[in-house]
């Protein structure tokens, strides 16, 4: 179960900060409160931290293959 850390702002957008921990990995996500899309994500494990910042947000016009991320090795 994810916990709500609080509400914040990213680039003047109101966001909800969520946090989830499982099997030694902590995932944090910042969700735009109006569009309900992630603006930022951070995954932390014993291997380090990966951070994703979404700067060009287009709701309803992006195809799924554009949103796929390359799988990190040993992660």
PDB file of N, CA and C in Angstrom:
ATOM      1  N   UNK A   1       0.828  -1.186   0.000  1.00  0.00           N
ATOM      2  CA  UNK A   1       0.000   0.000   0.000  1.00  0.00           C
ATOM      3  C   UNK A   1       0.871   1.248   0.000  1.00  0.00           C
ATOM      4  N   UNK A   2       0.561   2.158  -0.887  1.00  0.00           N
ATOM      5  CA  UNK A   2       1.291   3.419  -0.958  1.00  0.00           C
ATOM      6  C   UNK A   2       0.758   4.374   0.107  1.00  0.00           C
ATOM      7  N   UNK A   3       1.669   5.199   0.619  1.00  0.00           N
ATOM      8  CA  UNK A   3       1.249   6.214   1.577  1.00  0.00           C
ATOM      9  C   UNK A   3       1.326   7.583   0.912  1.00  0.00           C
ATOM     10  N   UNK A   4       0.438   8.455   1.303  1.00  0.00           N
ATOM     11  CA  UNK A   4       0.467   9.828   0.815  1.00  0.00           C
ATOM     12  C   UNK A   4       1.421  10.608   1.713  1.00  0.00           C
ATOM     13  N   UNK A   5       2.513  11.094   1.124  1.00  0.00           N
ATOM     14  CA  UNK A   5       3.508  11.864   1.873  1.00  0.00           C
ATOM     15  C   UNK A   5       2.998  13.280   2.092  1.00  0.00           C
ATOM     16  N   UNK A   6       2.324  13.840   1.071  1.00  0.00           N
ATOM     17  CA  UNK A   6       1.786  15.188   1.194  1.00  0.00           C
ATOM     18  C   UNK A   6       1.513  15.790  -0.168  1.00  0.00           C
ATOM     19  N   UNK A   7       1.198  17.062  -0.170  1.00  0.00           N
ATOM     20  CA  UNK A   7       0.995  17.779  -1.421  1.00  0.00           C
ATOM     21  C   UNK A   7       2.128  18.783  -1.589  1.00  0.00           C
ATOM     22  N   UNK A   8       2.555  18.964  -2.831  1.00  0.00           N
ATOM     23  CA  UNK A   8       3.682  19.835  -3.138  1.00  0.00           C
ATOM     24  C   UNK A   8       3.390  20.536  -4.460  1.00  0.00           C
ATOM     25  N   UNK A   9       4.384  21.254  -4.954  1.00  0.00           N
ATOM     26  CA  UNK A   9       4.287  21.864  -6.274  1.00  0.00           C
ATOM     27  C   UNK A   9       5.529  21.522  -7.077  1.00  0.00           C
ATOM     28  N   UNK A  10       5.335  21.200  -8.333  1.00  0.00           N
ATOM     29  CA  UNK A  10       6.415  21.008  -9.295  1.00  0.00           C
ATOM     30  C   UNK A  10       6.100  21.910 -10.475  1.00  0.00           C
ATOM     31  N   UNK A  11       6.977  22.866 -10.736  1.00  0.00           N
ATOM     32  CA  UNK A  11       6.782  23.803 -11.858  1.00  0.00           C
ATOM     33  C   UNK A  11       5.389  24.424 -11.836  1.00  0.00           C
ATOM     34  N   UNK A  12       4.965  24.912 -10.729  1.00  0.00           N
ATOM     35  CA  UNK A  12       3.673  25.563 -10.475  1.00  0.00           C
ATOM     36  C   UNK A  12       2.480  24.610 -10.552  1.00  0.00           C
ATOM     37  N   UNK A  13       2.714  23.307 -10.713  1.00  0.00           N
ATOM     38  CA  UNK A  13       1.626  22.325 -10.747  1.00  0.00           C
ATOM     39  C   UNK A  13       1.451  21.750  -9.346  1.00  0.00           C
ATOM     40  N   UNK A  14       0.212  21.632  -8.882  1.00  0.00           N
ATOM     41  CA  UNK A  14      -0.061  20.973  -7.610  1.00  0.00           C
ATOM     42  C   UNK A  14       0.053  19.468  -7.817  1.00  0.00           C
ATOM     43  N   UNK A  15       0.815  18.825  -6.946  1.00  0.00           N
ATOM     44  CA  UNK A  15       1.029  17.383  -7.066  1.00  0.00           C
ATOM     45  C   UNK A  15       0.807  16.704  -5.721  1.00  0.00           C
ATOM     46  N   UNK A  16       0.466  15.429  -5.781  1.00  0.00           N
ATOM     47  CA  UNK A  16       0.395  14.583  -4.597  1.00  0.00           C
ATOM     48  C   UNK A  16       1.620  13.689  -4.615  1.00  0.00           C
ATOM     49  N   UNK A  17       2.352  13.666  -3.514  1.00  0.00           N
ATOM     50  CA  UNK A  17       3.576  12.877  -3.376  1.00  0.00           C
ATOM     51  C   UNK A  17       3.202  11.552  -2.709  1.00  0.00           C
ATOM     52  N   UNK A  18       3.426  10.442  -3.418  1.00  0.00           N
ATOM     53  CA  UNK A  18       3.139   9.102  -2.912  1.00  0.00           C
ATOM     54  C   UNK A  18       4.438   8.340  -2.702  1.00  0.00           C
ATOM     55  N   UNK A  19       4.449   7.419  -1.732  1.00  0.00           N
ATOM     56  CA  UNK A  19       5.647   6.625  -1.438  1.00  0.00           C
ATOM     57  C   UNK A  19       5.238   5.188  -1.168  1.00  0.00           C
ATOM     58  N   UNK A  20       6.026   4.242  -1.735  1.00  0.00           N
ATOM     59  CA  UNK A  20       5.736   2.822  -1.595  1.00  0.00           C
ATOM     60  C   UNK A  20       7.049   2.072  -1.408  1.00  0.00           C
ATOM     61  N   UNK A  21       7.125   1.209  -0.414  1.00  0.00           N
ATOM     62  CA  UNK A  21       8.324   0.410  -0.170  1.00  0.00           C
ATOM     63  C   UNK A  21       7.977  -1.070  -0.239  1.00  0.00           C
ATOM     64  N   UNK A  22       8.861  -1.834  -0.924  1.00  0.00           N
ATOM     65  CA  UNK A  22       8.640  -3.275  -1.049  1.00  0.00           C
ATOM     66  C   UNK A  22       9.971  -3.950  -1.361  1.00  0.00           C
ATOM     67  N   UNK A  23      10.314  -4.959  -0.601  1.00  0.00           N
ATOM     68  CA  UNK A  23      11.507  -5.789  -0.839  1.00  0.00           C
ATOM     69  C   UNK A  23      12.780  -4.973  -1.016  1.00  0.00           C
ATOM     70  N   UNK A  24      13.001  -3.971  -0.190  1.00  0.00           N
ATOM     71  CA  UNK A  24      14.220  -3.188  -0.243  1.00  0.00           C
ATOM     72  C   UNK A  24      14.249  -2.096  -1.289  1.00  0.00           C
ATOM     73  N   UNK A  25      13.149  -1.911  -1.997  1.00  0.00           N
ATOM     74  CA  UNK A  25      13.058  -0.859  -3.007  1.00  0.00           C
ATOM     75  C   UNK A  25      11.978   0.127  -2.591  1.00  0.00           C
ATOM     76  N   UNK A  26      12.314   1.411  -2.641  1.00  0.00           N
ATOM     77  CA  UNK A  26      11.354   2.464  -2.322  1.00  0.00           C
ATOM     78  C   UNK A  26      11.050   3.236  -3.591  1.00  0.00           C
ATOM     79  N   UNK A  27       9.787   3.380  -3.887  1.00  0.00           N
ATOM     80  CA  UNK A  27       9.338   4.117  -5.065  1.00  0.00           C
ATOM     81  C   UNK A  27       8.539   5.322  -4.606  1.00  0.00           C
ATOM     82  N   UNK A  28       8.904   6.489  -5.130  1.00  0.00           N
ATOM     83  CA  UNK A  28       8.164   7.714  -4.856  1.00  0.00           C
ATOM     84  C   UNK A  28       7.659   8.265  -6.179  1.00  0.00           C
ATOM     85  N   UNK A  29       6.414   8.738  -6.177  1.00  0.00           N
ATOM     86  CA  UNK A  29       5.802   9.278  -7.388  1.00  0.00           C
ATOM     87  C   UNK A  29       5.100  10.584  -7.035  1.00  0.00           C
ATOM     88  N   UNK A  30       5.232  11.579  -7.913  1.00  0.00           N
ATOM     89  CA  UNK A  30       4.559  12.861  -7.761  1.00  0.00           C
ATOM     90  C   UNK A  30       3.516  12.954  -8.862  1.00  0.00           C
ATOM     91  N   UNK A  31       2.227  12.929  -8.491  1.00  0.00           N
ATOM     92  CA  UNK A  31       1.110  12.866  -9.432  1.00  0.00           C
ATOM     93  C   UNK A  31       0.449  14.240  -9.548  1.00  0.00           C
ATOM     94  N   UNK A  32       0.290  14.717 -10.782  1.00  0.00           N
ATOM     95  CA  UNK A  32      -0.419  15.975 -11.032  1.00  0.00           C
ATOM     96  C   UNK A  32      -1.848  15.835 -10.525  1.00  0.00           C
ATOM     97  N   UNK A  33      -2.282  16.750  -9.681  1.00  0.00           N
ATOM     98  CA  UNK A  33      -3.606  16.637  -9.071  1.00  0.00           C
ATOM     99  C   UNK A  33      -4.750  16.848 -10.062  1.00  0.00           C
ATOM    100  N   UNK A  34      -4.542  17.617 -11.120  1.00  0.00           N
ATOM    101  CA  UNK A  34      -5.617  17.867 -12.086  1.00  0.00           C
ATOM    102  C   UNK A  34      -5.688  16.752 -13.137  1.00  0.00           C
ATOM    103  N   UNK A  35      -4.566  16.470 -13.793  1.00  0.00           N
ATOM    104  CA  UNK A  35      -4.563  15.484 -14.883  1.00  0.00           C
ATOM    105  C   UNK A  35      -4.355  14.052 -14.413  1.00  0.00           C
ATOM    106  N   UNK A  36      -3.898  13.863 -13.190  1.00  0.00           N
ATOM    107  CA  UNK A  36      -3.661  12.534 -12.609  1.00  0.00           C
ATOM    108  C   UNK A  36      -2.603  11.748 -13.374  1.00  0.00           C
ATOM    109  N   UNK A  37      -1.570  12.448 -13.847  1.00  0.00           N
ATOM    110  CA  UNK A  37      -0.438  11.809 -14.517  1.00  0.00           C
ATOM    111  C   UNK A  37       0.821  12.080 -13.688  1.00  0.00           C
ATOM    112  N   UNK A  38       1.806  11.167 -13.757  1.00  0.00           N
ATOM    113  CA  UNK A  38       3.035  11.410 -13.000  1.00  0.00           C
ATOM    114  C   UNK A  38       3.859  12.522 -13.627  1.00  0.00           C
ATOM    115  N   UNK A  39       4.393  13.402 -12.780  1.00  0.00           N
ATOM    116  CA  UNK A  39       5.317  14.428 -13.244  1.00  0.00           C
ATOM    117  C   UNK A  39       6.751  14.063 -12.873  1.00  0.00           C
ATOM    118  N   UNK A  40       6.887  13.213 -11.867  1.00  0.00           N
ATOM    119  CA  UNK A  40       8.221  12.799 -11.433  1.00  0.00           C
ATOM    120  C   UNK A  40       8.102  11.467 -10.707  1.00  0.00           C
ATOM    121  N   UNK A  41       9.169  10.642 -10.807  1.00  0.00           N
ATOM    122  CA  UNK A  41       9.228   9.368 -10.090  1.00  0.00           C
ATOM    123  C   UNK A  41      10.664   9.135  -9.656  1.00  0.00           C
ATOM    124  N   UNK A  42      10.825   8.497  -8.505  1.00  0.00           N
ATOM    125  CA  UNK A  42      12.153   8.169  -7.988  1.00  0.00           C
ATOM    126  C   UNK A  42      12.105   6.762  -7.408  1.00  0.00           C
ATOM    127  N   UNK A  43      13.038   5.903  -7.852  1.00  0.00           N
ATOM    128  CA  UNK A  43      13.125   4.530  -7.369  1.00  0.00           C
ATOM    129  C   UNK A  43      14.493   4.363  -6.716  1.00  0.00           C
ATOM    130  N   UNK A  44      14.492   3.948  -5.449  1.00  0.00           N
ATOM    131  CA  UNK A  44      15.732   3.794  -4.696  1.00  0.00           C
ATOM    132  C   UNK A  44      15.846   2.356  -4.195  1.00  0.00           C
ATOM    133  N   UNK A  45      16.998   1.745  -4.443  1.00  0.00           N
ATOM    134  CA  UNK A  45      17.274   0.394  -3.948  1.00  0.00           C
ATOM    135  C   UNK A  45      18.732   0.333  -3.525  1.00  0.00           C
ATOM    136  N   UNK A  46      19.201  -0.835  -3.163  1.00  0.00           N
ATOM    137  CA  UNK A  46      20.592  -1.009  -2.792  1.00  0.00           C
ATOM    138  C   UNK A  46      21.544  -0.726  -3.947  1.00  0.00           C
ATOM    139  N   UNK A  47      21.042  -0.703  -5.157  1.00  0.00           N
ATOM    140  CA  UNK A  47      21.861  -0.432  -6.343  1.00  0.00           C
ATOM    141  C   UNK A  47      21.989   1.049  -6.654  1.00  0.00           C
ATOM    142  N   UNK A  48      21.191   1.873  -5.984  1.00  0.00           N
ATOM    143  CA  UNK A  48      21.234   3.316  -6.231  1.00  0.00           C
ATOM    144  C   UNK A  48      19.854   3.888  -6.452  1.00  0.00           C
ATOM    145  N   UNK A  49      19.824   5.056  -7.076  1.00  0.00           N
ATOM    146  CA  UNK A  49      18.573   5.775  -7.295  1.00  0.00           C
ATOM    147  C   UNK A  49      18.405   6.093  -8.777  1.00  0.00           C
ATOM    148  N   UNK A  50      17.210   5.832  -9.274  1.00  0.00           N
ATOM    149  CA  UNK A  50      16.843   6.236 -10.634  1.00  0.00           C
ATOM    150  C   UNK A  50      15.740   7.271 -10.506  1.00  0.00           C
ATOM    151  N   UNK A  51      15.895   8.385 -11.210  1.00  0.00           N
ATOM    152  CA  UNK A  51      14.904   9.461 -11.132  1.00  0.00           C
ATOM    153  C   UNK A  51      14.397   9.752 -12.535  1.00  0.00           C
ATOM    154  N   UNK A  52      13.090   9.865 -12.664  1.00  0.00           N
ATOM    155  CA  UNK A  52      12.441  10.165 -13.935  1.00  0.00           C
ATOM    156  C   UNK A  52      11.697  11.486 -13.782  1.00  0.00           C
ATOM    157  N   UNK A  53      11.988  12.437 -14.639  1.00  0.00           N
ATOM    158  CA  UNK A  53      11.307  13.727 -14.609  1.00  0.00           C
ATOM    159  C   UNK A  53      10.621  13.908 -15.952  1.00  0.00           C
ATOM    160  N   UNK A  54       9.314  14.061 -15.910  1.00  0.00           N
ATOM    161  CA  UNK A  54       8.513  14.196 -17.123  1.00  0.00           C
ATOM    162  C   UNK A  54       8.259  15.675 -17.374  1.00  0.00           C
ATOM    163  N   UNK A  55       8.883  16.216 -18.420  1.00  0.00           N
ATOM    164  CA  UNK A  55       8.787  17.646 -18.689  1.00  0.00           C
ATOM    165  C   UNK A  55       7.768  17.975 -19.772  1.00  0.00           C
ATOM    166  N   UNK A  56       7.600  17.112 -20.732  1.00  0.00           N
ATOM    167  CA  UNK A  56       6.657  17.355 -21.823  1.00  0.00           C
ATOM    168  C   UNK A  56       5.448  16.449 -21.614  1.00  0.00           C
ATOM    169  N   UNK A  57       4.419  16.981 -21.006  1.00  0.00           N
ATOM    170  CA  UNK A  57       3.232  16.203 -20.691  1.00  0.00           C
ATOM    171  C   UNK A  57       2.149  16.522 -21.724  1.00  0.00           C
ATOM    172  N   UNK A  58       1.633  15.474 -22.335  1.00  0.00           N
ATOM    173  CA  UNK A  58       0.537  15.621 -23.288  1.00  0.00           C
ATOM    174  C   UNK A  58      -0.501  14.570 -22.934  1.00  0.00           C
ATOM    175  N   UNK A  59      -1.651  14.988 -22.517  1.00  0.00           N
ATOM    176  CA  UNK A  59      -2.686  14.066 -22.069  1.00  0.00           C
ATOM    177  C   UNK A  59      -3.562  13.676 -23.249  1.00  0.00           C
ATOM    178  N   UNK A  60      -3.641  12.362 -23.508  1.00  0.00           N
ATOM    179  CA  UNK A  60      -4.541  11.841 -24.530  1.00  0.00           C
ATOM    180  C   UNK A  60      -3.961  11.751 -25.931  1.00  0.00           C
ATOM    181  N   UNK A  61      -2.738  12.224 -26.164  1.00  0.00           N
ATOM    182  CA  UNK A  61      -2.215  12.179 -27.523  1.00  0.00           C
ATOM    183  C   UNK A  61      -0.895  11.424 -27.646  1.00  0.00           C
ATOM    184  N   UNK A  62      -0.447  10.788 -26.575  1.00  0.00           N
ATOM    185  CA  UNK A  62       0.811  10.055 -26.597  1.00  0.00           C
ATOM    186  C   UNK A  62       0.519   8.565 -26.739  1.00  0.00           C
ATOM    187  N   UNK A  63       1.257   7.902 -27.626  1.00  0.00           N
ATOM    188  CA  UNK A  63       1.090   6.459 -27.822  1.00  0.00           C
ATOM    189  C   UNK A  63       1.905   5.699 -26.777  1.00  0.00           C
ATOM    190  N   UNK A  64       1.469   4.490 -26.444  1.00  0.00           N
ATOM    191  CA  UNK A  64       2.100   3.694 -25.395  1.00  0.00           C
ATOM    192  C   UNK A  64       3.588   3.465 -25.623  1.00  0.00           C
ATOM    193  N   UNK A  65       4.022   3.225 -26.868  1.00  0.00           N
ATOM    194  CA  UNK A  65       5.424   2.916 -27.117  1.00  0.00           C
ATOM    195  C   UNK A  65       6.348   4.104 -26.807  1.00  0.00           C
ATOM    196  N   UNK A  66       5.825   5.312 -26.792  1.00  0.00           N
ATOM    197  CA  UNK A  66       6.626   6.486 -26.447  1.00  0.00           C
ATOM    198  C   UNK A  66       6.910   6.515 -24.950  1.00  0.00           C
ATOM    199  N   UNK A  67       6.057   5.914 -24.156  1.00  0.00           N
ATOM    200  CA  UNK A  67       6.183   5.951 -22.703  1.00  0.00           C
ATOM    201  C   UNK A  67       7.027   4.819 -22.134  1.00  0.00           C
ATOM    202  N   UNK A  68       7.425   3.848 -22.956  1.00  0.00           N
ATOM    203  CA  UNK A  68       8.206   2.719 -22.473  1.00  0.00           C
ATOM    204  C   UNK A  68       9.623   3.167 -22.144  1.00  0.00           C
ATOM    205  N   UNK A  69      10.150   2.664 -21.018  1.00  0.00           N
ATOM    206  CA  UNK A  69      11.500   2.991 -20.591  1.00  0.00           C
ATOM    207  C   UNK A  69      12.404   1.791 -20.791  1.00  0.00           C
ATOM    208  N   UNK A  70      13.643   2.061 -21.107  1.00  0.00           N
ATOM    209  CA  UNK A  70      14.625   0.999 -21.236  1.00  0.00           C
ATOM    210  C   UNK A  70      14.847   0.374 -19.873  1.00  0.00           C
ATOM    211  N   UNK A  71      14.872  -0.962 -19.820  1.00  0.00           N
ATOM    212  CA  UNK A  71      15.091  -1.668 -18.560  1.00  0.00           C
ATOM    213  C   UNK A  71      16.551  -1.507 -18.140  1.00  0.00           C
ATOM    214  N   UNK A  72      16.773  -1.059 -16.902  1.00  0.00           N
ATOM    215  CA  UNK A  72      18.133  -0.911 -16.388  1.00  0.00           C
ATOM    216  C   UNK A  72      18.706  -2.276 -16.074  1.00  0.00           C
ATOM    217  N   UNK A  73      19.973  -2.493 -16.402  1.00  0.00           N
ATOM    218  CA  UNK A  73      20.614  -3.756 -16.113  1.00  0.00           C
ATOM    219  C   UNK A  73      20.865  -3.883 -14.617  1.00  0.00           C
ATOM    220  N   UNK A  74      20.723  -5.092 -14.109  1.00  0.00           N
ATOM    221  CA  UNK A  74      20.967  -5.392 -12.689  1.00  0.00           C
ATOM    222  C   UNK A  74      20.065  -4.594 -11.758  1.00  0.00           C
ATOM    223  N   UNK A  75      18.891  -4.261 -12.214  1.00  0.00           N
ATOM    224  CA  UNK A  75      17.990  -3.492 -11.377  1.00  0.00           C
ATOM    225  C   UNK A  75      16.770  -4.275 -11.069  1.00  0.00           C
TER     226      UNK A  75
END
